[in-house]
Amino acid sequence: MDAQLPPQVQMLQMVMGSWVAQALGTVARLGVADHIAAGAKTADAIAKRSEANPDAVFRVMRALASIGVFTMSGQEFGLTPLGETLRSDVPGSVRWFMIAETDRAHWQAWGMFPRAIKEGRKMTTEALGMDAWDYYREHPEDAEAFSRAMTGASEMAIGAVLASYDFSGAAKIADIGGAHGALLQAILADHPQASGVLFDLPHVIEGSKAAVAKTKLAPRIEMVGGSFFESVPAGADIYLLKHIIHDWNDEKSIAILKSVKKAMKPTSKVLVIDFELPHDASPSLAHFVDLNMLVMVDGRERTEGQFAELFAKAGMRQSRFIRTMGPVAIAEGVAA
């Protein structure tokens, strides 16, 4: 945002953010960054690879070039560092995140955001006829994009988590709601003494089996399907809950933590890995992720103190709160 512009223009730029999101989601779906990874191409060439309209492709590429996502030289478009993040094959790719956040589930629910604020609850049931998790269960293509988006989110957090937490004493690590298990695999790769359990809903685990099977770590990972509201695999030294608790209100978050507590050994630890919500209006992605949690799933981002309250109500205590160099914090819980 250019502070030199008149306030009215700045406000117009803000409201156009939804248009930018759809433009990014569209070029992500078309795989444009992959098509031009080897070098700049014309809109006609990109359109041919993408099976799209050449004029429309030119217009969206030009618009995104104007905000630094692509380069534009004559009639050819190339990648900038921002555009590189939309490639499928780069560490921390956000391609699938762009696709998931502009899918039908998110877009239609956000279309009812004023009502979400008036009533203080999610809008997915009204927008989709079902909650988000049921929607993804019935729409496997969108579910796969969402799972890949969560894998990308894991990759953005992985380095920060590994640099901030010592897993060397753990023999067994359980990734609860771990999707494709990106964080678990990174931890196991660094700690050959440990084995892992990847736990998620049965249809998610089914979709993750092929991805895990391709890795050298597959023999060390047990894959289990189930609901964390009912039970989770027992006996792990560390339980990972990355971007899980923020999906739920306090009551259901406590229920998840209680399920984990039942499965824990006296020496086990649970790591809640989420954005930290500032106590005030300090700039943070967490403020707007918090709004996404409100409209999509009745969840919320939380402050350090709110994480501690959840642990206490689940019969545990927050033993440490670790701020990483990345976008997440780690709230560590142990038996009370």
C-alpha atoms as a PDB file:
ATOM      1  CA  MET A   1       0.000   0.000   0.000  1.00  0.00           C
ATOM      2  CA  ASP A   2       1.470   3.336  -1.110  1.00  0.00           C
ATOM      3  CA  ALA A   3       0.989   5.800   1.763  1.00  0.00           C
ATOM      4  CA  GLN A   4       1.611   8.659  -0.683  1.00  0.00           C
ATOM      5  CA  LEU A   5      -1.690   7.974  -2.447  1.00  0.00           C
ATOM      6  CA  PRO A   6      -4.894   9.751  -1.394  1.00  0.00           C
ATOM      7  CA  PRO A   7      -6.836   7.840   1.298  1.00  0.00           C
ATOM      8  CA  GLN A   8      -9.682   7.146  -1.144  1.00  0.00           C
ATOM      9  CA  VAL A   9      -7.310   5.442  -3.580  1.00  0.00           C
ATOM     10  CA  GLN A  10      -5.745   3.428  -0.774  1.00  0.00           C
ATOM     11  CA  MET A  11      -9.197   2.226   0.251  1.00  0.00           C
ATOM     12  CA  LEU A  12     -10.001   1.247  -3.341  1.00  0.00           C
ATOM     13  CA  GLN A  13      -6.775  -0.780  -3.455  1.00  0.00           C
ATOM     14  CA  MET A  14      -7.844  -2.569  -0.290  1.00  0.00           C
ATOM     15  CA  VAL A  15     -11.286  -3.533  -1.561  1.00  0.00           C
ATOM     16  CA  MET A  16      -9.776  -4.728  -4.835  1.00  0.00           C
ATOM     17  CA  GLY A  17      -7.880  -7.307  -2.798  1.00  0.00           C
ATOM     18  CA  SER A  18     -10.653  -9.807  -3.507  1.00  0.00           C
ATOM     19  CA  TRP A  19     -10.091  -9.330  -7.248  1.00  0.00           C
ATOM     20  CA  VAL A  20      -6.370  -9.874  -6.807  1.00  0.00           C
ATOM     21  CA  ALA A  21      -7.074 -13.085  -4.885  1.00  0.00           C
ATOM     22  CA  GLN A  22      -9.205 -14.485  -7.695  1.00  0.00           C
ATOM     23  CA  ALA A  23      -6.601 -13.530 -10.287  1.00  0.00           C
ATOM     24  CA  LEU A  24      -3.919 -15.337  -8.281  1.00  0.00           C
ATOM     25  CA  GLY A  25      -6.161 -18.348  -7.723  1.00  0.00           C
ATOM     26  CA  THR A  26      -6.857 -18.551 -11.445  1.00  0.00           C
ATOM     27  CA  VAL A  27      -3.232 -18.447 -12.623  1.00  0.00           C
ATOM     28  CA  ALA A  28      -2.433 -20.988  -9.904  1.00  0.00           C
ATOM     29  CA  ARG A  29      -5.137 -23.331 -11.251  1.00  0.00           C
ATOM     30  CA  LEU A  30      -3.841 -22.878 -14.794  1.00  0.00           C
ATOM     31  CA  GLY A  31      -0.285 -23.706 -13.684  1.00  0.00           C
ATOM     32  CA  VAL A  32       1.046 -20.538 -15.317  1.00  0.00           C
ATOM     33  CA  ALA A  33       4.165 -20.296 -13.119  1.00  0.00           C
ATOM     34  CA  ASP A  34       5.122 -23.852 -14.105  1.00  0.00           C
ATOM     35  CA  HIS A  35       4.574 -23.040 -17.786  1.00  0.00           C
ATOM     36  CA  ILE A  36       6.987 -20.083 -17.712  1.00  0.00           C
ATOM     37  CA  ALA A  37       9.513 -21.477 -15.211  1.00  0.00           C
ATOM     38  CA  ALA A  38      12.034 -22.147 -17.993  1.00  0.00           C
ATOM     39  CA  GLY A  39      11.671 -18.686 -19.507  1.00  0.00           C
ATOM     40  CA  ALA A  40       9.325 -15.877 -20.442  1.00  0.00           C
ATOM     41  CA  LYS A  41       6.497 -16.645 -22.860  1.00  0.00           C
ATOM     42  CA  THR A  42       3.791 -14.737 -24.684  1.00  0.00           C
ATOM     43  CA  ALA A  43       0.191 -14.790 -23.522  1.00  0.00           C
ATOM     44  CA  ASP A  44      -0.674 -16.851 -26.619  1.00  0.00           C
ATOM     45  CA  ALA A  45       1.860 -19.525 -25.643  1.00  0.00           C
ATOM     46  CA  ILE A  46       0.679 -19.507 -22.028  1.00  0.00           C
ATOM     47  CA  ALA A  47      -2.947 -19.721 -23.157  1.00  0.00           C
ATOM     48  CA  LYS A  48      -2.172 -22.708 -25.385  1.00  0.00           C
ATOM     49  CA  ARG A  49      -0.482 -24.559 -22.513  1.00  0.00           C
ATOM     50  CA  SER A  50      -3.309 -23.598 -20.139  1.00  0.00           C
ATOM     51  CA  GLU A  51      -6.202 -24.263 -22.563  1.00  0.00           C
ATOM     52  CA  ALA A  52      -7.465 -20.733 -21.929  1.00  0.00           C
ATOM     53  CA  ASN A  53      -8.466 -17.655 -23.925  1.00  0.00           C
ATOM     54  CA  PRO A  54      -5.367 -15.754 -25.164  1.00  0.00           C
ATOM     55  CA  ASP A  55      -6.806 -12.257 -24.714  1.00  0.00           C
ATOM     56  CA  ALA A  56      -8.066 -13.042 -21.208  1.00  0.00           C
ATOM     57  CA  VAL A  57      -4.707 -14.598 -20.285  1.00  0.00           C
ATOM     58  CA  PHE A  58      -2.903 -11.467 -21.527  1.00  0.00           C
ATOM     59  CA  ARG A  59      -5.146  -9.245 -19.413  1.00  0.00           C
ATOM     60  CA  VAL A  60      -4.752 -11.211 -16.186  1.00  0.00           C
ATOM     61  CA  MET A  61      -0.976 -11.553 -16.683  1.00  0.00           C
ATOM     62  CA  ARG A  62      -0.666  -7.807 -17.334  1.00  0.00           C
ATOM     63  CA  ALA A  63      -2.683  -7.003 -14.209  1.00  0.00           C
ATOM     64  CA  LEU A  64      -0.583  -9.292 -12.033  1.00  0.00           C
ATOM     65  CA  ALA A  65       2.617  -7.944 -13.596  1.00  0.00           C
ATOM     66  CA  SER A  66       1.495  -4.478 -12.488  1.00  0.00           C
ATOM     67  CA  ILE A  67       1.737  -5.606  -8.834  1.00  0.00           C
ATOM     68  CA  GLY A  68       5.002  -7.510  -9.186  1.00  0.00           C
ATOM     69  CA  VAL A  69       3.831 -11.115  -9.558  1.00  0.00           C
ATOM     70  CA  PHE A  70       5.137 -11.425 -13.137  1.00  0.00           C
ATOM     71  CA  THR A  71       7.466  -9.455 -15.377  1.00  0.00           C
ATOM     72  CA  MET A  72       6.221  -8.001 -18.657  1.00  0.00           C
ATOM     73  CA  SER A  73       8.638  -7.229 -21.457  1.00  0.00           C
ATOM     74  CA  GLY A  74       6.919  -6.424 -24.706  1.00  0.00           C
ATOM     75  CA  GLN A  75       4.426  -9.242 -25.176  1.00  0.00           C
ATOM     76  CA  GLU A  76       6.270 -11.766 -22.981  1.00  0.00           C
ATOM     77  CA  PHE A  77       5.676 -12.581 -19.323  1.00  0.00           C
ATOM     78  CA  GLY A  78       8.202 -14.046 -16.888  1.00  0.00           C
ATOM     79  CA  LEU A  79       8.544 -14.858 -13.221  1.00  0.00           C
ATOM     80  CA  THR A  80       9.510 -12.531 -10.392  1.00  0.00           C
ATOM     81  CA  PRO A  81      10.454 -13.821  -6.910  1.00  0.00           C
ATOM     82  CA  LEU A  82       6.756 -13.449  -6.025  1.00  0.00           C
ATOM     83  CA  GLY A  83       5.701 -15.428  -9.080  1.00  0.00           C
ATOM     84  CA  GLU A  84       8.215 -18.166  -8.251  1.00  0.00           C
ATOM     85  CA  THR A  85       6.164 -19.011  -5.137  1.00  0.00           C
ATOM     86  CA  LEU A  86       3.319 -20.142  -7.446  1.00  0.00           C
ATOM     87  CA  ARG A  87       5.420 -22.920  -8.972  1.00  0.00           C
ATOM     88  CA  SER A  88       4.475 -26.460  -7.994  1.00  0.00           C
ATOM     89  CA  ASP A  89       8.010 -27.687  -7.489  1.00  0.00           C
ATOM     90  CA  VAL A  90       9.590 -25.136  -5.143  1.00  0.00           C
ATOM     91  CA  PRO A  91       9.961 -25.440  -1.361  1.00  0.00           C
ATOM     92  CA  GLY A  92       7.174 -23.576   0.397  1.00  0.00           C
ATOM     93  CA  SER A  93       5.070 -23.320  -2.772  1.00  0.00           C
ATOM     94  CA  VAL A  94       1.831 -21.397  -2.196  1.00  0.00           C
ATOM     95  CA  ARG A  95       0.217 -22.567  -5.447  1.00  0.00           C
ATOM     96  CA  TRP A  96      -2.217 -24.913  -3.746  1.00  0.00           C
ATOM     97  CA  PHE A  97      -2.950 -22.418  -0.993  1.00  0.00           C
ATOM     98  CA  MET A  98      -4.045 -19.923  -3.654  1.00  0.00           C
ATOM     99  CA  ILE A  99      -6.272 -22.569  -5.217  1.00  0.00           C
ATOM    100  CA  ALA A 100      -7.806 -23.669  -1.917  1.00  0.00           C
ATOM    101  CA  GLU A 101      -8.488 -20.157  -0.650  1.00  0.00           C
ATOM    102  CA  THR A 102     -10.357 -19.247  -3.833  1.00  0.00           C
ATOM    103  CA  ASP A 103     -12.354 -22.480  -4.132  1.00  0.00           C
ATOM    104  CA  ARG A 104     -16.140 -22.643  -3.906  1.00  0.00           C
ATOM    105  CA  ALA A 105     -16.114 -23.455  -0.185  1.00  0.00           C
ATOM    106  CA  HIS A 106     -14.120 -20.383   0.808  1.00  0.00           C
ATOM    107  CA  TRP A 107     -15.462 -17.958  -1.768  1.00  0.00           C
ATOM    108  CA  GLN A 108     -19.154 -18.596  -1.140  1.00  0.00           C
ATOM    109  CA  ALA A 109     -18.737 -18.552   2.635  1.00  0.00           C
ATOM    110  CA  TRP A 110     -16.821 -15.257   2.480  1.00  0.00           C
ATOM    111  CA  GLY A 111     -19.638 -13.882   0.325  1.00  0.00           C
ATOM    112  CA  MET A 112     -21.764 -14.084   3.475  1.00  0.00           C
ATOM    113  CA  PHE A 113     -19.161 -12.432   5.707  1.00  0.00           C
ATOM    114  CA  PRO A 114     -21.410  -9.532   6.837  1.00  0.00           C
ATOM    115  CA  ARG A 115     -23.825 -12.078   8.279  1.00  0.00           C
ATOM    116  CA  ALA A 116     -20.938 -13.912   9.971  1.00  0.00           C
ATOM    117  CA  ILE A 117     -20.049 -10.685  11.773  1.00  0.00           C
ATOM    118  CA  LYS A 118     -23.650  -9.942  12.740  1.00  0.00           C
ATOM    119  CA  GLU A 119     -24.255 -13.440  14.087  1.00  0.00           C
ATOM    120  CA  GLY A 120     -20.718 -14.352  15.166  1.00  0.00           C
ATOM    121  CA  ARG A 121     -20.645 -17.757  13.514  1.00  0.00           C
ATOM    122  CA  LYS A 122     -19.492 -19.632  10.410  1.00  0.00           C
ATOM    123  CA  MET A 123     -21.387 -19.327   7.131  1.00  0.00           C
ATOM    124  CA  THR A 124     -20.388 -22.568   5.388  1.00  0.00           C
ATOM    125  CA  THR A 125     -23.621 -24.370   6.234  1.00  0.00           C
ATOM    126  CA  GLU A 126     -25.722 -21.609   4.668  1.00  0.00           C
ATOM    127  CA  ALA A 127     -23.365 -21.117   1.714  1.00  0.00           C
ATOM    128  CA  LEU A 128     -22.704 -24.775   0.894  1.00  0.00           C
ATOM    129  CA  GLY A 129     -25.545 -26.692   2.540  1.00  0.00           C
ATOM    130  CA  MET A 130     -23.020 -28.417   4.811  1.00  0.00           C
ATOM    131  CA  ASP A 131     -19.965 -27.612   6.907  1.00  0.00           C
ATOM    132  CA  ALA A 132     -16.528 -27.274   5.353  1.00  0.00           C
ATOM    133  CA  TRP A 133     -15.313 -30.739   6.360  1.00  0.00           C
ATOM    134  CA  ASP A 134     -18.378 -32.456   4.866  1.00  0.00           C
ATOM    135  CA  TYR A 135     -17.961 -30.361   1.730  1.00  0.00           C
ATOM    136  CA  TYR A 136     -14.381 -31.541   1.283  1.00  0.00           C
ATOM    137  CA  ARG A 137     -15.432 -35.136   1.960  1.00  0.00           C
ATOM    138  CA  GLU A 138     -17.922 -34.892  -0.907  1.00  0.00           C
ATOM    139  CA  HIS A 139     -15.647 -32.944  -3.269  1.00  0.00           C
ATOM    140  CA  PRO A 140     -12.365 -34.875  -3.466  1.00  0.00           C
ATOM    141  CA  GLU A 141     -10.744 -32.554  -6.008  1.00  0.00           C
ATOM    142  CA  ASP A 142     -11.188 -29.532  -3.741  1.00  0.00           C
ATOM    143  CA  ALA A 143     -10.176 -31.676  -0.753  1.00  0.00           C
ATOM    144  CA  GLU A 144      -6.932 -32.617  -2.470  1.00  0.00           C
ATOM    145  CA  ALA A 145      -6.167 -28.959  -3.174  1.00  0.00           C
ATOM    146  CA  PHE A 146      -6.890 -28.128   0.463  1.00  0.00           C
ATOM    147  CA  SER A 147      -4.627 -30.946   1.706  1.00  0.00           C
ATOM    148  CA  ARG A 148      -1.845 -29.732  -0.573  1.00  0.00           C
ATOM    149  CA  ALA A 149      -2.404 -26.198   0.686  1.00  0.00           C
ATOM    150  CA  MET A 150      -1.961 -27.426   4.253  1.00  0.00           C
ATOM    151  CA  THR A 151       1.204 -29.220   3.171  1.00  0.00           C
ATOM    152  CA  GLY A 152       2.471 -25.925   1.775  1.00  0.00           C
ATOM    153  CA  ALA A 153       1.605 -24.202   5.044  1.00  0.00           C
ATOM    154  CA  SER A 154       3.560 -26.908   6.847  1.00  0.00           C
ATOM    155  CA  GLU A 155       6.566 -26.309   4.647  1.00  0.00           C
ATOM    156  CA  MET A 156       6.525 -22.603   5.500  1.00  0.00           C
ATOM    157  CA  ALA A 157       6.526 -23.468   9.189  1.00  0.00           C
ATOM    158  CA  ILE A 158       8.871 -26.454   9.091  1.00  0.00           C
ATOM    159  CA  GLY A 159      12.183 -24.628   9.232  1.00  0.00           C
ATOM    160  CA  ALA A 160      10.990 -22.387  12.036  1.00  0.00           C
ATOM    161  CA  VAL A 161       9.702 -25.319  14.100  1.00  0.00           C
ATOM    162  CA  LEU A 162      12.835 -27.429  13.606  1.00  0.00           C
ATOM    163  CA  ALA A 163      15.043 -24.485  14.536  1.00  0.00           C
ATOM    164  CA  SER A 164      13.026 -23.707  17.662  1.00  0.00           C
ATOM    165  CA  TYR A 165      12.256 -27.093  19.209  1.00  0.00           C
ATOM    166  CA  ASP A 166      14.459 -30.049  20.202  1.00  0.00           C
ATOM    167  CA  PHE A 167      12.950 -33.375  19.095  1.00  0.00           C
ATOM    168  CA  SER A 168      16.076 -35.431  19.851  1.00  0.00           C
ATOM    169  CA  GLY A 169      14.601 -37.134  22.928  1.00  0.00           C
ATOM    170  CA  ALA A 170      11.467 -38.398  21.175  1.00  0.00           C
ATOM    171  CA  ALA A 171      11.190 -42.023  20.058  1.00  0.00           C
ATOM    172  CA  LYS A 172       7.646 -41.723  18.702  1.00  0.00           C
ATOM    173  CA  ILE A 173       5.982 -38.625  17.259  1.00  0.00           C
ATOM    174  CA  ALA A 174       2.298 -38.454  16.336  1.00  0.00           C
ATOM    175  CA  ASP A 175       1.115 -35.861  13.813  1.00  0.00           C
ATOM    176  CA  ILE A 176      -2.571 -35.345  14.612  1.00  0.00           C
ATOM    177  CA  GLY A 177      -4.574 -34.002  11.672  1.00  0.00           C
ATOM    178  CA  GLY A 178      -1.331 -34.012   9.699  1.00  0.00           C
ATOM    179  CA  ALA A 179      -2.739 -34.264   6.133  1.00  0.00           C
ATOM    180  CA  HIS A 180       0.228 -35.388   3.983  1.00  0.00           C
ATOM    181  CA  GLY A 181       2.565 -35.369   6.988  1.00  0.00           C
ATOM    182  CA  ALA A 182       5.044 -32.768   5.717  1.00  0.00           C
ATOM    183  CA  LEU A 183       6.033 -31.584   9.198  1.00  0.00           C
ATOM    184  CA  LEU A 184       6.284 -35.138  10.542  1.00  0.00           C
ATOM    185  CA  GLN A 185       8.479 -36.206   7.639  1.00  0.00           C
ATOM    186  CA  ALA A 186      10.815 -33.245   8.137  1.00  0.00           C
ATOM    187  CA  ILE A 187      11.211 -34.071  11.829  1.00  0.00           C
ATOM    188  CA  LEU A 188      11.857 -37.769  11.124  1.00  0.00           C
ATOM    189  CA  ALA A 189      14.402 -36.896   8.444  1.00  0.00           C
ATOM    190  CA  ASP A 190      16.372 -34.901  11.023  1.00  0.00           C
ATOM    191  CA  HIS A 191      15.912 -37.461  13.812  1.00  0.00           C
ATOM    192  CA  PRO A 192      16.600 -41.035  12.654  1.00  0.00           C
ATOM    193  CA  GLN A 193      15.959 -42.380  16.170  1.00  0.00           C
ATOM    194  CA  ALA A 194      12.252 -41.593  15.905  1.00  0.00           C
ATOM    195  CA  SER A 195       9.247 -43.248  14.290  1.00  0.00           C
ATOM    196  CA  GLY A 196       6.029 -41.468  13.427  1.00  0.00           C
ATOM    197  CA  VAL A 197       2.276 -41.821  13.312  1.00  0.00           C
ATOM    198  CA  LEU A 198       0.283 -39.827  10.767  1.00  0.00           C
ATOM    199  CA  PHE A 199      -3.324 -39.471  11.954  1.00  0.00           C
ATOM    200  CA  ASP A 200      -6.202 -37.819  10.109  1.00  0.00           C
ATOM    201  CA  LEU A 201      -9.712 -38.495   8.873  1.00  0.00           C
ATOM    202  CA  PRO A 202      -9.913 -41.796   6.955  1.00  0.00           C
ATOM    203  CA  HIS A 203     -10.464 -40.171   3.543  1.00  0.00           C
ATOM    204  CA  VAL A 204      -7.516 -37.813   4.143  1.00  0.00           C
ATOM    205  CA  ILE A 205      -5.237 -40.700   5.113  1.00  0.00           C
ATOM    206  CA  GLU A 206      -6.351 -42.609   2.037  1.00  0.00           C
ATOM    207  CA  GLY A 207      -5.350 -39.640  -0.104  1.00  0.00           C
ATOM    208  CA  SER A 208      -2.012 -39.289   1.708  1.00  0.00           C
ATOM    209  CA  LYS A 209      -0.848 -42.887   1.362  1.00  0.00           C
ATOM    210  CA  ALA A 210       0.560 -42.472  -2.143  1.00  0.00           C
ATOM    211  CA  ALA A 211       2.515 -39.321  -1.214  1.00  0.00           C
ATOM    212  CA  VAL A 212       4.034 -40.942   1.881  1.00  0.00           C
ATOM    213  CA  ALA A 213       4.792 -44.209   0.068  1.00  0.00           C
ATOM    214  CA  LYS A 214       7.079 -42.342  -2.363  1.00  0.00           C
ATOM    215  CA  THR A 215       9.385 -41.238   0.461  1.00  0.00           C
ATOM    216  CA  LYS A 216      12.271 -43.086   2.091  1.00  0.00           C
ATOM    217  CA  LEU A 217      10.587 -42.410   5.423  1.00  0.00           C
ATOM    218  CA  ALA A 218       7.534 -44.543   4.642  1.00  0.00           C
ATOM    219  CA  PRO A 219       8.745 -47.595   6.661  1.00  0.00           C
ATOM    220  CA  ARG A 220       8.992 -45.377   9.763  1.00  0.00           C
ATOM    221  CA  ILE A 221       5.493 -43.892   9.453  1.00  0.00           C
ATOM    222  CA  GLU A 222       2.321 -45.631  10.601  1.00  0.00           C
ATOM    223  CA  MET A 223      -0.806 -44.192   8.974  1.00  0.00           C
ATOM    224  CA  VAL A 224      -4.027 -44.218  10.989  1.00  0.00           C
ATOM    225  CA  GLY A 225      -7.483 -42.914  10.136  1.00  0.00           C
ATOM    226  CA  GLY A 226      -9.994 -41.714  12.693  1.00  0.00           C
ATOM    227  CA  SER A 227     -11.532 -38.724  14.462  1.00  0.00           C
ATOM    228  CA  PHE A 228      -9.568 -36.755  17.030  1.00  0.00           C
ATOM    229  CA  PHE A 229     -12.829 -36.067  18.865  1.00  0.00           C
ATOM    230  CA  GLU A 230     -13.044 -39.774  19.671  1.00  0.00           C
ATOM    231  CA  SER A 231      -9.461 -40.951  20.176  1.00  0.00           C
ATOM    232  CA  VAL A 232      -5.923 -40.610  18.860  1.00  0.00           C
ATOM    233  CA  PRO A 233      -3.069 -43.156  18.743  1.00  0.00           C
ATOM    234  CA  ALA A 234      -1.658 -43.808  22.196  1.00  0.00           C
ATOM    235  CA  GLY A 235       1.862 -43.750  23.570  1.00  0.00           C
ATOM    236  CA  ALA A 236       3.658 -41.080  21.537  1.00  0.00           C
ATOM    237  CA  ASP A 237       6.340 -38.959  23.154  1.00  0.00           C
ATOM    238  CA  ILE A 238       5.254 -35.868  21.242  1.00  0.00           C
ATOM    239  CA  TYR A 239       1.868 -35.028  19.742  1.00  0.00           C
ATOM    240  CA  LEU A 240       1.831 -32.415  16.989  1.00  0.00           C
ATOM    241  CA  LEU A 241      -1.281 -30.285  16.465  1.00  0.00           C
ATOM    242  CA  LYS A 242      -0.295 -27.946  13.648  1.00  0.00           C
ATOM    243  CA  HIS A 243      -3.047 -25.593  12.462  1.00  0.00           C
ATOM    244  CA  ILE A 244      -5.655 -27.822  14.103  1.00  0.00           C
ATOM    245  CA  ILE A 245      -6.793 -26.028  17.244  1.00  0.00           C
ATOM    246  CA  HIS A 246      -7.428 -22.791  15.345  1.00  0.00           C
ATOM    247  CA  ASP A 247     -10.107 -24.602  13.302  1.00  0.00           C
ATOM    248  CA  TRP A 248     -12.368 -25.006  16.334  1.00  0.00           C
ATOM    249  CA  ASN A 249     -14.136 -23.020  19.038  1.00  0.00           C
ATOM    250  CA  ASP A 250     -12.994 -23.348  22.641  1.00  0.00           C
ATOM    251  CA  GLU A 251     -15.358 -26.200  23.522  1.00  0.00           C
ATOM    252  CA  LYS A 252     -14.239 -28.397  20.639  1.00  0.00           C
ATOM    253  CA  SER A 253     -10.590 -27.418  21.032  1.00  0.00           C
ATOM    254  CA  ILE A 254     -10.731 -28.586  24.628  1.00  0.00           C
ATOM    255  CA  ALA A 255     -12.351 -31.849  23.488  1.00  0.00           C
ATOM    256  CA  ILE A 256      -9.453 -32.428  21.048  1.00  0.00           C
ATOM    257  CA  LEU A 257      -6.882 -31.742  23.757  1.00  0.00           C
ATOM    258  CA  LYS A 258      -8.701 -34.107  26.115  1.00  0.00           C
ATOM    259  CA  SER A 259      -8.524 -36.867  23.482  1.00  0.00           C
ATOM    260  CA  VAL A 260      -4.792 -36.269  23.205  1.00  0.00           C
ATOM    261  CA  LYS A 261      -4.415 -36.220  26.989  1.00  0.00           C
ATOM    262  CA  LYS A 262      -6.050 -39.669  27.249  1.00  0.00           C
ATOM    263  CA  ALA A 263      -3.517 -41.029  24.762  1.00  0.00           C
ATOM    264  CA  MET A 264      -0.465 -39.404  26.368  1.00  0.00           C
ATOM    265  CA  LYS A 265       2.084 -41.073  28.606  1.00  0.00           C
ATOM    266  CA  PRO A 266       2.974 -39.190  31.805  1.00  0.00           C
ATOM    267  CA  THR A 267       6.081 -37.872  30.047  1.00  0.00           C
ATOM    268  CA  SER A 268       4.395 -36.988  26.737  1.00  0.00           C
ATOM    269  CA  LYS A 269       4.162 -33.475  25.387  1.00  0.00           C
ATOM    270  CA  VAL A 270       1.693 -31.882  22.989  1.00  0.00           C
ATOM    271  CA  LEU A 271       2.764 -29.087  20.680  1.00  0.00           C
ATOM    272  CA  VAL A 272       0.039 -26.740  19.455  1.00  0.00           C
ATOM    273  CA  ILE A 273       1.560 -25.013  16.426  1.00  0.00           C
ATOM    274  CA  ASP A 274      -0.496 -22.041  15.259  1.00  0.00           C
ATOM    275  CA  PHE A 275      -0.348 -18.359  14.550  1.00  0.00           C
ATOM    276  CA  GLU A 276      -0.055 -16.221  17.667  1.00  0.00           C
ATOM    277  CA  LEU A 277      -2.709 -13.539  17.839  1.00  0.00           C
ATOM    278  CA  PRO A 278      -1.274 -10.266  19.196  1.00  0.00           C
ATOM    279  CA  HIS A 279      -2.910  -8.764  22.288  1.00  0.00           C
ATOM    280  CA  ASP A 280      -3.484  -5.555  20.345  1.00  0.00           C
ATOM    281  CA  ALA A 281      -3.747  -4.317  16.749  1.00  0.00           C
ATOM    282  CA  SER A 282      -0.056  -4.886  15.980  1.00  0.00           C
ATOM    283  CA  PRO A 283       0.421  -5.874  12.314  1.00  0.00           C
ATOM    284  CA  SER A 284       0.066  -9.643  11.914  1.00  0.00           C
ATOM    285  CA  LEU A 285      -1.316 -12.152   9.420  1.00  0.00           C
ATOM    286  CA  ALA A 286      -3.088 -13.700  12.388  1.00  0.00           C
ATOM    287  CA  HIS A 287      -5.733 -10.952  12.478  1.00  0.00           C
ATOM    288  CA  PHE A 288      -7.065 -11.888   9.046  1.00  0.00           C
ATOM    289  CA  VAL A 289      -6.520 -15.628   9.424  1.00  0.00           C
ATOM    290  CA  ASP A 290      -8.700 -15.199  12.504  1.00  0.00           C
ATOM    291  CA  LEU A 291     -11.495 -13.805  10.317  1.00  0.00           C
ATOM    292  CA  ASN A 292     -11.146 -16.758   7.938  1.00  0.00           C
ATOM    293  CA  MET A 293     -11.551 -19.115  10.888  1.00  0.00           C
ATOM    294  CA  LEU A 294     -14.678 -17.233  11.949  1.00  0.00           C
ATOM    295  CA  VAL A 295     -16.461 -17.397   8.609  1.00  0.00           C
ATOM    296  CA  MET A 296     -15.352 -20.904   7.613  1.00  0.00           C
ATOM    297  CA  VAL A 297     -15.291 -23.116  10.697  1.00  0.00           C
ATOM    298  CA  ASP A 298     -16.244 -21.247  13.902  1.00  0.00           C
ATOM    299  CA  GLY A 299     -12.564 -21.333  14.830  1.00  0.00           C
ATOM    300  CA  ARG A 300     -10.224 -18.560  15.924  1.00  0.00           C
ATOM    301  CA  GLU A 301      -6.598 -17.554  16.377  1.00  0.00           C
ATOM    302  CA  ARG A 302      -5.458 -17.167  19.981  1.00  0.00           C
ATOM    303  CA  THR A 303      -3.072 -15.267  22.221  1.00  0.00           C
ATOM    304  CA  GLU A 304      -0.445 -16.910  24.406  1.00  0.00           C
ATOM    305  CA  GLY A 305      -2.772 -16.632  27.401  1.00  0.00           C
ATOM    306  CA  GLN A 306      -5.705 -18.157  25.523  1.00  0.00           C
ATOM    307  CA  PHE A 307      -3.635 -21.210  24.616  1.00  0.00           C
ATOM    308  CA  ALA A 308      -2.767 -21.609  28.296  1.00  0.00           C
ATOM    309  CA  GLU A 309      -6.456 -21.445  29.205  1.00  0.00           C
ATOM    310  CA  LEU A 310      -7.290 -24.226  26.746  1.00  0.00           C
ATOM    311  CA  PHE A 311      -4.610 -26.469  28.206  1.00  0.00           C
ATOM    312  CA  ALA A 312      -5.842 -25.829  31.736  1.00  0.00           C
ATOM    313  CA  LYS A 313      -9.451 -26.653  30.833  1.00  0.00           C
ATOM    314  CA  ALA A 314      -8.274 -29.887  29.204  1.00  0.00           C
ATOM    315  CA  GLY A 315      -6.492 -30.971  32.390  1.00  0.00           C
ATOM    316  CA  MET A 316      -3.014 -30.002  31.241  1.00  0.00           C
ATOM    317  CA  ARG A 317      -0.716 -27.045  31.710  1.00  0.00           C
ATOM    318  CA  GLN A 318       1.181 -24.909  29.244  1.00  0.00           C
ATOM    319  CA  SER A 319       4.814 -25.608  30.024  1.00  0.00           C
ATOM    320  CA  ARG A 320       6.381 -23.358  27.394  1.00  0.00           C
ATOM    321  CA  PHE A 321       5.382 -20.843  24.733  1.00  0.00           C
ATOM    322  CA  ILE A 322       7.950 -20.547  21.957  1.00  0.00           C
ATOM    323  CA  ARG A 323       7.944 -17.764  19.378  1.00  0.00           C
ATOM    324  CA  THR A 324       9.706 -18.920  16.226  1.00  0.00           C
ATOM    325  CA  MET A 325      11.365 -16.947  13.454  1.00  0.00           C
ATOM    326  CA  GLY A 326       8.556 -18.061  11.135  1.00  0.00           C
ATOM    327  CA  PRO A 327       4.825 -17.368  10.993  1.00  0.00           C
ATOM    328  CA  VAL A 328       3.908 -19.696  13.867  1.00  0.00           C
ATOM    329  CA  ALA A 329       4.372 -20.094  17.602  1.00  0.00           C
ATOM    330  CA  ILE A 330       4.601 -23.328  19.593  1.00  0.00           C
ATOM    331  CA  ALA A 331       2.473 -23.788  22.723  1.00  0.00           C
ATOM    332  CA  GLU A 332       3.817 -26.809  24.599  1.00  0.00           C
ATOM    333  CA  GLY A 333       1.485 -28.669  26.944  1.00  0.00           C
ATOM    334  CA  VAL A 334       2.164 -31.403  29.483  1.00  0.00           C
ATOM    335  CA  ALA A 335       0.136 -33.355  32.003  1.00  0.00           C
ATOM    336  CA  ALA A 336      -0.972 -31.153  34.902  1.00  0.00           C
END
